[in-house]
Structures are given as structure tokens and as C-alpha cells.
């Protein structure tokens, strides 16, 4: 059997949920390749971020230093590199459709930025994010029609892509991830109710909603509550605002950035996840929290309904109304909350990486068969 070659491009992936997703992708692909005679080449920012064996890594450390480097690599340098690598499949894991030469091309889209419209207040704290969202949508559309398939995580994104870019090959692929098994034990005050929001401080992550909700609680209820945020307060202008405004209250704990093992420790120790984000392409903490069978408070939005699926311990709230979340938290702390019923009937095209790999390589095999047997 002739060996197939796949290039996975993730030169801009260094942290957050997409790093977890890419790690899961490579772990799955390494196991898959051992049965299928596939050579794996991965383009990364740093080899130190990955420890999966039987993979050839090529580093591009400048890719995060400037957008000029990112654009240069994607639309100029990679064409030369792709000719040298001569891949059967080129799989871009981070949104852009590069200018490359390969038998088959795929892109995995995960960034919610182009879908978010900032309010006037949000423009003040996130001016760069506002400009970035418009810039990102422009870059997303470059070469998008050259792909054999565009993988997105939810149906509403597929609908938007079909509307924006008039593409017919958009596929919904649900991520399938496992929480780290090397859980770092976290000790929390047993006399408190502990909420957790693991997220990077971007405007649409809506940290304000949790903070304002907690402050609306009666003092005797708030004194029984601790909310743990994975920010330090120095990440950006929005983080500084959140920290400077709310760190004076004892119920808010700013624990800083955590690695995957530490996040798993919090999932195990907390009483509930609170997820007020206004926009997600998936919302990985929702999936991860379900593995620990913990209650979830989440925005009453389409992305959340699709990610949650059917789950018996979820409560939806309007992310623009902290008073609504406050009432639900009060009932939860008093052990009086009635959870919401959930039902999502649409089915994805793929669930998990192996189903995607089967599609990619069976399609490639089919094409090769037609070439040799016209």
C-alpha cells in the first residue's frame, strides 16, 4: 500500500480551547495512521506544545509575532513549502485557506470573531477586537472555495458561511474531546458554593454578567459564594477593567491562566460551571463539564443549545440580564433550582476525529482509484 502524507497546519495555535482540540486531533490521527500507513507532518508555532510521537514537526515561531508573518506564511511561503512536501492532504486547523498545492485541501474553522458585533461600550474596551473581526472575515473568505470541504463546529456557522461565501461543501463536525486524566487536585473552601468560568478575557466572553449577578445577590447569599476566573487581570484592557472593578469583592477569585490538568482539577472540585459568553463556535468547557456531571449555567443562545445537547443539569439565562442569572444562582445556592429541559434534534455530519479522517482518506482513495481506473 502506498503511503499517504497529510500536513496539519496550526502555526498560530498556542493556547485556549483550540490547542486542546488540535492536541486531540493529533492524538487521534497518530493512532489512526498506524493502521492506514499515513505520514504526518505538523506545522506548529512550537514543538514544546505537543508531545505526540510518530509525527514530524516543523516550527514557525515567528507566526505569533506579527500578522504580517501569518499572512506571509499562509499566502506566500506555504505554496513553496507545499510543493516540497508534496502532500496528499493539507489540513489547515486554524480558519484560513492557504495558497498551497496539494491533492486535497481542508480547513477547520473555530474562531467566533467575524460573527460578533460590538456595542459602543465594547468598542471602547475592545477597539482592536472590532477591527480584528472585520479583518478576520476578509481573510477567511480568501481561497475558501479551493477547499474540498470546510469543517465548522455548529449548524448556525454552516448557515452563515453558506450565506456569506456561497459555499456548498460546509460540513458540521462536532469536536470529541477528553478532559485530562492527570487531574491536579484543587482544594476549595468546603463552606462555600464554588462557580468556575475558564475563559480568556475577550469582550464577548461577558465576565461582567457573572460579576454583576453575584453583586445582586443578598449579602448573606453572596457570602456563601466564590467565583473562580482563569484570568489575572493583566491580559488586555478588558481584563484590567474586570479585575480593577471586581477584585475588591471577596467572592471573586482571579486564579490566572491554568493548564489543562489544573482546569480538570477545578471541574472536579467546583459546584457548577457558569458560562455567560455571548458567542462561541462550540464552547469546550460546556462539553468538559458534562464529563464531570456538574450543573451548568449558560447563555440562552443557539451555540449553547447545540453544545449542551441533552443534559439534565443545565439552566439557561439571558446573557444581557445579570438579574436573571442572580435569581437562578440564589435558587441554586438554596438548593431550590429546577433545571431546564433540553432537546436538540439536528445531527452533525461528523462526530470526532476518526469520522473526519475516514471521510478525508476514503475520498482521497476514491479519487486515486478513478485516476488509475478511468
Protein backbone atom coordinates (compact mmCIF):
# COMPACT_ATOMS: atom_id res chain seq x y z
CA UNK A 1 0.00 0.00 0.00
CA UNK A 2 1.37 3.42 -0.96
CA UNK A 3 1.98 5.70 1.99
CA UNK A 4 -0.29 8.74 2.21
CA UNK A 5 1.02 12.04 3.50
CA UNK A 6 -1.02 14.61 5.47
CA UNK A 7 0.11 18.08 6.53
CA UNK A 8 -1.67 19.57 9.54
CA UNK A 9 -1.14 23.33 9.73
CA UNK A 10 -1.55 25.02 13.10
CA UNK A 11 1.18 27.63 13.27
CA UNK A 12 -0.98 30.12 15.18
CA UNK A 13 -2.30 27.68 17.79
CA UNK A 14 -0.66 28.17 21.17
CA UNK A 15 -3.35 28.13 23.85
CA UNK A 16 -7.06 28.06 24.77
CA UNK A 17 -9.64 25.59 23.54
CA UNK A 18 -8.21 25.29 20.04
CA UNK A 19 -4.90 23.98 21.45
CA UNK A 20 -6.87 21.25 23.25
CA UNK A 21 -8.74 20.47 20.05
CA UNK A 22 -5.56 20.31 17.97
CA UNK A 23 -3.87 18.07 20.56
CA UNK A 24 -6.88 15.74 20.46
CA UNK A 25 -6.74 15.79 16.66
CA UNK A 26 -3.06 14.77 16.60
CA UNK A 27 -3.52 12.06 19.24
CA UNK A 28 -6.38 10.58 17.21
CA UNK A 29 -4.52 10.94 13.91
CA UNK A 30 -1.38 9.25 15.27
CA UNK A 31 -3.43 6.21 16.33
CA UNK A 32 -5.37 6.27 13.05
CA UNK A 33 -2.20 6.49 10.93
CA UNK A 34 -0.70 3.34 12.44
CA UNK A 35 -3.47 1.32 10.78
CA UNK A 36 -3.55 3.26 7.49
CA UNK A 37 0.13 3.86 6.56
CA UNK A 38 -0.08 7.64 6.78
CA UNK A 39 2.87 10.00 7.28
CA UNK A 40 2.01 13.01 9.45
CA UNK A 41 3.74 16.38 9.17
CA UNK A 42 2.57 19.13 11.52
CA UNK A 43 3.34 22.83 11.18
CA UNK A 44 3.41 24.42 14.64
CA UNK A 45 4.45 27.55 16.47
CA UNK A 46 6.49 25.49 18.94
CA UNK A 47 7.22 21.77 19.28
CA UNK A 48 7.13 22.18 23.07
CA UNK A 49 3.33 22.44 22.94
CA UNK A 50 2.97 18.85 21.71
CA UNK A 51 4.33 15.50 22.82
CA UNK A 52 2.56 13.13 20.42
CA UNK A 53 5.04 10.59 18.94
CA UNK A 54 5.49 9.42 15.34
CA UNK A 55 4.90 12.91 13.98
CA UNK A 56 7.30 15.20 12.11
CA UNK A 57 7.05 18.76 13.44
CA UNK A 58 8.09 21.90 11.56
CA UNK A 59 8.31 25.05 13.72
CA UNK A 60 7.26 28.59 12.76
CA UNK A 61 7.99 30.63 15.91
CA UNK A 62 7.51 33.98 14.16
CA UNK A 63 3.87 33.20 13.30
CA UNK A 64 2.58 34.81 16.53
CA UNK A 65 4.90 37.79 16.48
CA UNK A 66 3.05 39.69 13.78
CA UNK A 67 0.08 39.32 11.46
CA UNK A 68 2.45 40.10 8.62
CA UNK A 69 4.27 36.83 9.30
CA UNK A 70 0.98 34.93 9.47
CA UNK A 71 -0.19 36.34 6.14
CA UNK A 72 3.23 35.73 4.59
CA UNK A 73 3.25 32.07 5.63
CA UNK A 74 -0.35 31.33 4.65
CA UNK A 75 -0.47 33.03 1.27
CA UNK A 76 3.13 33.07 0.06
CA UNK A 77 5.65 30.80 1.80
CA UNK A 78 3.35 27.78 2.14
CA UNK A 79 2.96 27.49 -1.62
CA UNK A 80 6.69 26.82 -1.93
CA UNK A 81 6.65 24.54 1.10
CA UNK A 82 3.63 22.58 -0.13
CA UNK A 83 5.42 21.76 -3.39
CA UNK A 84 8.38 20.43 -1.40
CA UNK A 85 6.21 18.37 0.96
CA UNK A 86 4.00 17.04 -1.86
CA UNK A 87 1.13 16.15 0.48
CA UNK A 88 -1.91 14.12 -0.40
CA UNK A 89 -3.90 16.11 2.15
CA UNK A 90 -3.33 19.60 3.54
CA UNK A 91 -5.49 20.28 6.59
CA UNK A 92 -5.48 23.84 7.97
CA UNK A 93 -6.58 23.75 11.61
CA UNK A 94 -6.91 27.46 12.14
CA UNK A 95 -9.51 29.07 9.90
CA UNK A 96 -7.55 30.20 6.85
CA UNK A 97 -7.41 28.56 3.42
CA UNK A 98 -3.75 28.91 2.44
CA UNK A 99 -2.36 29.32 -1.04
CA UNK A 100 -0.88 25.83 -1.43
CA UNK A 101 -0.51 22.90 -3.82
CA UNK A 102 -1.95 19.59 -2.58
CA UNK A 103 -4.21 16.86 -3.88
CA UNK A 104 -6.85 17.64 -1.28
CA UNK A 105 -7.40 20.73 0.88
CA UNK A 106 -9.46 21.12 4.05
CA UNK A 107 -9.91 23.86 6.61
CA UNK A 108 -11.20 23.63 10.18
CA UNK A 109 -12.91 26.81 11.36
CA UNK A 110 -13.09 27.68 15.06
CA UNK A 111 -12.84 31.46 15.57
CA UNK A 112 -16.06 33.33 16.53
CA UNK A 113 -14.62 36.82 15.90
CA UNK A 114 -16.28 37.52 12.50
CA UNK A 115 -19.73 36.78 13.92
CA UNK A 116 -19.66 39.29 16.78
CA UNK A 117 -20.98 42.85 16.59
CA UNK A 118 -19.59 45.05 19.33
CA UNK A 119 -21.74 47.56 21.20
CA UNK A 120 -20.49 51.15 21.50
CA UNK A 121 -19.23 50.40 25.04
CA UNK A 122 -17.46 47.27 23.82
CA UNK A 123 -15.74 49.27 21.08
CA UNK A 124 -14.14 51.34 23.85
CA UNK A 125 -12.68 48.29 25.60
CA UNK A 126 -12.13 46.20 22.51
CA UNK A 127 -11.36 48.53 19.61
CA UNK A 128 -8.74 46.14 18.27
CA UNK A 129 -11.19 43.24 18.53
CA UNK A 130 -13.72 45.17 16.46
CA UNK A 131 -11.20 45.82 13.71
CA UNK A 132 -9.87 42.28 14.01
CA UNK A 133 -13.32 40.77 13.47
CA UNK A 134 -13.73 42.60 10.15
CA UNK A 135 -10.16 41.76 9.09
CA UNK A 136 -10.64 38.11 10.04
CA UNK A 137 -13.78 37.74 7.96
CA UNK A 138 -11.91 39.17 4.96
CA UNK A 139 -9.05 36.68 5.41
CA UNK A 140 -11.48 33.80 5.95
CA UNK A 141 -13.01 34.24 2.51
CA UNK A 142 -9.66 34.16 0.68
CA UNK A 143 -9.29 30.81 -1.14
CA UNK A 144 -12.26 29.35 0.76
CA UNK A 145 -13.70 27.91 -2.47
CA UNK A 146 -10.48 26.00 -3.11
CA UNK A 147 -11.20 23.57 -0.25
CA UNK A 148 -12.64 20.12 -0.73
CA UNK A 149 -14.54 20.71 2.50
CA UNK A 150 -14.83 23.39 5.16
CA UNK A 151 -15.37 21.93 8.64
CA UNK A 152 -17.29 24.03 11.17
CA UNK A 153 -18.45 23.08 14.65
CA UNK A 154 -22.13 24.03 14.57
CA UNK A 155 -25.09 24.33 12.24
CA UNK A 156 -25.57 28.08 12.69
CA UNK A 157 -21.99 28.67 11.48
CA UNK A 158 -22.63 26.48 8.45
CA UNK A 159 -25.72 28.56 7.65
CA UNK A 160 -23.76 31.79 7.98
CA UNK A 161 -20.89 30.53 5.80
CA UNK A 162 -23.29 29.42 3.10
CA UNK A 163 -24.90 32.87 3.20
CA UNK A 164 -21.64 34.84 3.27
CA UNK A 165 -19.47 32.83 0.92
CA UNK A 166 -21.95 30.83 -1.21
CA UNK A 167 -20.18 27.55 -0.47
CA UNK A 168 -21.85 24.15 -0.78
CA UNK A 169 -19.21 21.96 0.90
CA UNK A 170 -19.51 23.12 4.50
CA UNK A 171 -19.62 20.21 6.96
CA UNK A 172 -20.67 20.27 10.62
CA UNK A 173 -18.14 18.36 12.74
CA UNK A 174 -18.67 18.09 16.47
CA UNK A 175 -15.44 18.04 18.48
CA UNK A 176 -14.87 14.97 20.60
CA UNK A 177 -12.50 15.73 23.42
CA UNK A 178 -11.48 14.11 26.66
CA UNK A 179 -10.59 16.00 29.79
CA UNK A 180 -7.05 15.41 31.05
CA UNK A 181 -6.70 12.25 33.10
CA UNK A 182 -3.77 13.78 35.02
CA UNK A 183 -6.00 15.85 37.26
CA UNK A 184 -4.28 18.33 39.56
CA UNK A 185 -6.13 18.28 42.86
CA UNK A 186 -7.73 21.61 43.82
CA UNK A 187 -8.70 22.36 47.42
CA UNK A 188 -11.62 24.75 47.82
CA UNK A 189 -13.39 26.08 50.89
CA UNK A 190 -15.99 23.41 51.75
CA UNK A 191 -18.27 26.02 53.34
CA UNK A 192 -18.72 27.90 50.05
CA UNK A 193 -20.56 27.27 46.79
CA UNK A 194 -17.95 27.40 44.03
CA UNK A 195 -18.58 28.56 40.45
CA UNK A 196 -16.00 28.34 37.66
CA UNK A 197 -15.57 30.22 34.39
CA UNK A 198 -12.47 29.06 32.45
CA UNK A 199 -12.07 31.53 29.62
CA UNK A 200 -9.73 34.10 28.11
CA UNK A 201 -10.89 37.71 28.72
CA UNK A 202 -12.39 38.76 25.40
CA UNK A 203 -15.32 41.18 25.28
CA UNK A 204 -17.87 38.63 24.11
CA UNK A 205 -16.91 36.31 26.98
CA UNK A 206 -19.09 38.60 29.11
CA UNK A 207 -17.38 38.33 32.52
CA UNK A 208 -19.38 41.38 33.61
CA UNK A 209 -22.59 39.36 33.64
CA UNK A 210 -21.35 36.91 36.30
CA UNK A 211 -19.87 39.70 38.41
CA UNK A 212 -22.98 41.86 38.32
CA UNK A 213 -25.19 38.84 39.00
CA UNK A 214 -23.16 37.94 42.09
CA UNK A 215 -23.31 41.51 43.39
CA UNK A 216 -27.11 41.49 43.03
CA UNK A 217 -27.38 38.58 45.45
CA UNK A 218 -28.41 39.30 49.05
CA UNK A 219 -25.26 39.72 51.14
CA UNK A 220 -25.94 36.61 53.22
CA UNK A 221 -26.15 34.57 49.97
CA UNK A 222 -23.12 36.21 48.35
CA UNK A 223 -21.01 35.44 51.42
CA UNK A 224 -21.57 31.74 50.69
CA UNK A 225 -20.29 32.09 47.10
CA UNK A 226 -16.90 32.04 45.38
CA UNK A 227 -16.48 32.59 41.61
CA UNK A 228 -13.19 31.45 40.07
CA UNK A 229 -11.95 33.17 36.88
CA UNK A 230 -8.95 31.97 34.82
CA UNK A 231 -7.63 35.47 34.29
CA UNK A 232 -5.01 37.50 36.15
CA UNK A 233 -6.15 40.97 35.12
CA UNK A 234 -3.16 41.96 33.02
CA UNK A 235 -4.01 40.15 29.77
CA UNK A 236 -5.62 43.13 27.99
CA UNK A 237 -7.67 46.28 28.56
CA UNK A 238 -10.88 44.35 29.19
CA UNK A 239 -9.16 42.08 31.74
CA UNK A 240 -7.80 45.12 33.57
CA UNK A 241 -11.28 46.61 33.71
CA UNK A 242 -12.78 43.40 35.14
CA UNK A 243 -10.00 43.00 37.71
CA UNK A 244 -9.94 46.64 38.82
CA UNK A 245 -13.72 46.77 39.11
CA UNK A 246 -14.43 43.49 40.88
CA UNK A 247 -11.29 42.17 42.62
CA UNK A 248 -12.16 44.18 45.75
CA UNK A 249 -15.04 41.79 46.39
CA UNK A 250 -14.07 38.64 48.28
CA UNK A 251 -16.37 36.37 46.27
CA UNK A 252 -14.31 36.77 43.07
CA UNK A 253 -11.11 34.76 42.74
CA UNK A 254 -8.72 35.57 39.89
CA UNK A 255 -6.61 32.41 39.60
CA UNK A 256 -4.82 33.28 36.35
CA UNK A 257 -4.14 31.02 33.39
CA UNK A 258 -4.36 27.28 34.14
CA UNK A 259 -3.02 24.33 32.19
CA UNK A 260 -5.30 21.51 31.09
CA UNK A 261 -4.60 19.36 34.17
CA UNK A 262 -5.36 22.25 36.54
CA UNK A 263 -8.60 23.07 34.72
CA UNK A 264 -9.64 19.44 35.14
CA UNK A 265 -8.94 19.79 38.87
CA UNK A 266 -11.34 22.71 39.07
CA UNK A 267 -14.02 20.80 37.15
CA UNK A 268 -13.74 18.06 39.75
CA UNK A 269 -13.84 20.45 42.73
CA UNK A 270 -16.46 23.05 41.76
CA UNK A 271 -20.20 23.02 42.33
CA UNK A 272 -21.15 24.44 38.91
CA UNK A 273 -19.87 25.99 35.68
CA UNK A 274 -21.13 29.45 34.72
CA UNK A 275 -20.75 30.28 31.02
CA UNK A 276 -22.20 33.70 30.05
CA UNK A 277 -20.38 34.00 26.71
CA UNK A 278 -22.38 35.79 24.01
CA UNK A 279 -20.70 33.90 21.18
CA UNK A 280 -18.87 30.60 20.67
CA UNK A 281 -18.12 28.29 17.80
CA UNK A 282 -18.50 25.45 20.30
CA UNK A 283 -17.81 26.22 23.98
CA UNK A 284 -15.43 23.47 25.06
CA UNK A 285 -15.90 23.95 28.85
CA UNK A 286 -19.55 23.01 28.39
CA UNK A 287 -18.59 19.63 26.95
CA UNK A 288 -15.85 19.11 29.52
CA UNK A 289 -18.07 19.95 32.49
CA UNK A 290 -20.63 17.40 31.34
CA UNK A 291 -17.96 14.70 31.77
CA UNK A 292 -17.91 15.55 35.48
CA UNK A 293 -21.72 15.60 35.70
CA UNK A 294 -21.72 19.10 37.20
CA UNK A 295 -24.51 21.69 36.88
CA UNK A 296 -24.12 24.28 34.12
CA UNK A 297 -25.45 27.84 33.91
CA UNK A 298 -25.14 29.02 30.30
CA UNK A 299 -26.34 31.75 27.93
CA UNK A 300 -29.69 31.07 26.31
CA UNK A 301 -28.24 31.17 22.79
CA UNK A 302 -28.13 28.78 19.78
CA UNK A 303 -24.46 27.78 20.26
CA UNK A 304 -25.18 26.70 23.83
CA UNK A 305 -28.28 24.68 22.93
CA UNK A 306 -26.33 22.74 20.31
CA UNK A 307 -23.26 22.16 22.51
CA UNK A 308 -25.27 21.12 25.55
CA UNK A 309 -27.49 18.76 23.57
CA UNK A 310 -29.47 16.66 26.04
CA UNK A 311 -28.34 17.23 29.61
CA UNK A 312 -30.26 17.03 32.86
CA UNK A 313 -28.36 19.69 34.86
CA UNK A 314 -28.47 22.89 32.81
CA UNK A 315 -30.05 26.27 33.40
CA UNK A 316 -30.22 28.84 30.59
CA UNK A 317 -30.25 32.60 31.17
CA UNK A 318 -30.26 35.81 29.14
CA UNK A 319 -26.58 36.91 28.98
CA UNK A 320 -27.64 40.58 28.87
CA UNK A 321 -29.65 40.32 32.10
CA UNK A 322 -27.45 39.60 35.14
CA UNK A 323 -30.51 39.87 37.39
CA UNK A 324 -31.88 36.73 35.73
CA UNK A 325 -28.65 34.85 36.44
CA UNK A 326 -28.66 36.21 40.01
CA UNK A 327 -32.09 34.74 40.68
CA UNK A 328 -31.03 31.35 39.35
CA UNK A 329 -27.84 31.37 41.42
CA UNK A 330 -29.82 32.27 44.54
CA UNK A 331 -32.13 29.29 43.98
CA UNK A 332 -29.13 27.05 43.29
CA UNK A 333 -27.32 28.03 46.49
CA UNK A 334 -30.56 27.49 48.43
CA UNK A 335 -30.97 24.09 46.71
CA UNK A 336 -34.29 25.14 45.16
CA UNK A 337 -33.36 25.46 41.47
CA UNK A 338 -35.32 23.49 38.89
CA UNK A 339 -33.14 22.75 35.86
CA UNK A 340 -34.29 23.29 32.25
CA UNK A 341 -35.24 20.58 29.81
CA UNK A 342 -33.01 20.36 26.74
CA UNK A 343 -33.60 18.99 23.25
CA UNK A 344 -31.54 19.46 20.08
CA UNK A 345 -32.54 17.33 17.10
CA UNK A 346 -30.19 18.31 14.26
CA UNK A 347 -27.42 15.83 13.56
CA UNK A 348 -23.85 16.75 12.56
CA UNK A 349 -22.06 15.33 9.54
CA UNK A 350 -19.24 14.06 11.76
CA UNK A 351 -18.59 13.38 15.45
CA UNK A 352 -14.98 13.02 16.49
CA UNK A 353 -11.77 12.95 14.50
CA UNK A 354 -11.87 9.38 13.22
CA UNK A 355 -15.06 10.05 11.27
CA UNK A 356 -13.38 13.08 9.66
CA UNK A 357 -10.26 11.07 8.81
CA UNK A 358 -12.37 8.32 7.26
CA UNK A 359 -14.09 10.91 5.09
CA UNK A 360 -10.82 12.58 4.04
CA UNK A 361 -8.85 9.44 3.25
CA UNK A 362 -11.68 7.41 1.75
CA UNK A 363 -12.41 10.35 -0.52
CA UNK A 364 -8.71 10.51 -1.42
CA UNK A 365 -8.64 6.75 -2.07
CA UNK A 366 -11.69 7.07 -4.30
CA UNK A 367 -10.03 9.79 -6.37
CA UNK A 368 -6.84 7.78 -6.78
CA UNK A 369 -8.92 4.79 -7.88
CA UNK A 370 -10.59 6.88 -10.57
CA UNK A 371 -7.21 8.15 -11.78
CA UNK A 372 -5.80 4.63 -12.16
CA UNK A 373 -9.04 3.08 -13.40
CA UNK A 374 -10.70 5.64 -15.68
